[in-house]
Protein backbone atom coordinates (compact mmCIF):
# COMPACT_ATOMS: atom_id res chain seq x y z
CA MET A 1 30.89 -19.68 0.80
CA THR A 2 27.70 -21.59 1.34
CA MET A 3 27.50 -25.24 0.48
CA PRO A 4 24.68 -26.18 -1.95
CA GLN A 5 23.03 -28.54 0.55
CA GLN A 6 22.58 -25.59 2.97
CA LEU A 7 20.56 -23.50 0.49
CA PRO A 8 17.09 -24.99 1.22
CA SER A 9 17.44 -24.40 4.97
CA LEU A 10 18.83 -20.89 4.41
CA TYR A 11 15.91 -20.10 2.11
CA LEU A 12 13.39 -21.27 4.72
CA ARG A 13 15.15 -19.18 7.36
CA LEU A 14 15.04 -16.15 5.07
CA LEU A 15 11.27 -16.56 4.56
CA ARG A 16 10.74 -16.98 8.30
CA ASP A 17 12.78 -13.85 9.06
CA ILE A 18 10.83 -11.81 6.51
CA THR A 19 7.42 -12.89 7.82
CA ASP A 20 8.33 -12.31 11.49
CA ASP A 21 7.84 -8.55 11.25
CA LEU A 22 4.72 -8.01 9.16
CA VAL A 23 3.44 -4.47 8.79
CA PRO A 24 -0.03 -3.98 10.36
CA PRO A 25 -2.87 -3.37 7.92
CA ARG A 26 -3.54 0.26 7.05
CA ARG A 27 -6.89 1.96 7.31
CA THR A 28 -8.78 2.35 4.05
CA ARG A 29 -8.70 5.92 2.77
CA ILE A 30 -8.76 7.87 -0.45
CA ASN A 31 -7.38 11.36 -0.92
CA PRO A 32 -8.54 13.39 -3.93
CA ARG A 33 -5.71 14.67 -6.10
CA VAL A 34 -5.99 18.44 -5.86
CA ASP A 35 -3.51 21.27 -5.68
CA LYS A 36 -3.66 24.57 -3.80
CA ARG A 37 -1.30 26.52 -6.09
CA ARG A 38 -2.43 29.05 -8.68
CA MET A 39 -1.35 27.06 -11.76
CA PRO A 40 -1.96 23.49 -10.67
CA LYS A 41 -1.44 20.38 -12.74
CA PHE A 42 -4.58 18.96 -11.06
CA GLY A 43 -7.93 20.54 -10.17
CA HIS A 44 -8.34 23.15 -7.45
CA SER A 45 -9.18 22.19 -3.87
CA ARG A 46 -12.92 22.69 -3.41
CA SER A 47 -15.42 22.05 -0.64
CA GLU A 48 -16.39 18.63 -2.07
CA HIS A 49 -12.80 17.47 -1.58
CA TYR A 50 -12.78 18.08 2.17
CA HIS A 51 -15.14 15.22 3.07
CA TRP A 52 -14.24 12.67 0.41
CA LEU A 53 -16.07 9.35 0.66
CA GLN A 54 -13.87 6.64 2.13
CA PRO A 55 -14.01 3.03 0.91
CA GLN A 56 -16.08 0.61 2.97
CA CYS A 57 -14.10 -2.48 1.99
CA SER A 58 -10.46 -3.51 2.05
CA PHE A 59 -8.03 -2.62 -0.72
CA ARG A 60 -7.90 -6.27 -1.86
CA GLU A 61 -11.69 -6.34 -2.26
CA ALA A 62 -11.83 -2.97 -4.00
CA VAL A 63 -9.11 -3.59 -6.60
CA ALA A 64 -9.13 -6.35 -9.20
CA PHE A 65 -5.93 -7.22 -11.08
CA VAL A 66 -6.36 -8.40 -14.64
């Protein structure tokens, strides 16, 4: 068992361990939702889907949470 007075230091150690291995930022990209099957749930893959415009800003700048 852990003694209650050890909890703050264990919590700080947990946070430090989590932040030690951060995932590198991903490149910004958008993939259109199309399907190549005959009876798709989404639209068919067309020529305009092959060179889809990619965002010019980061995900945080592009998305606003309300």
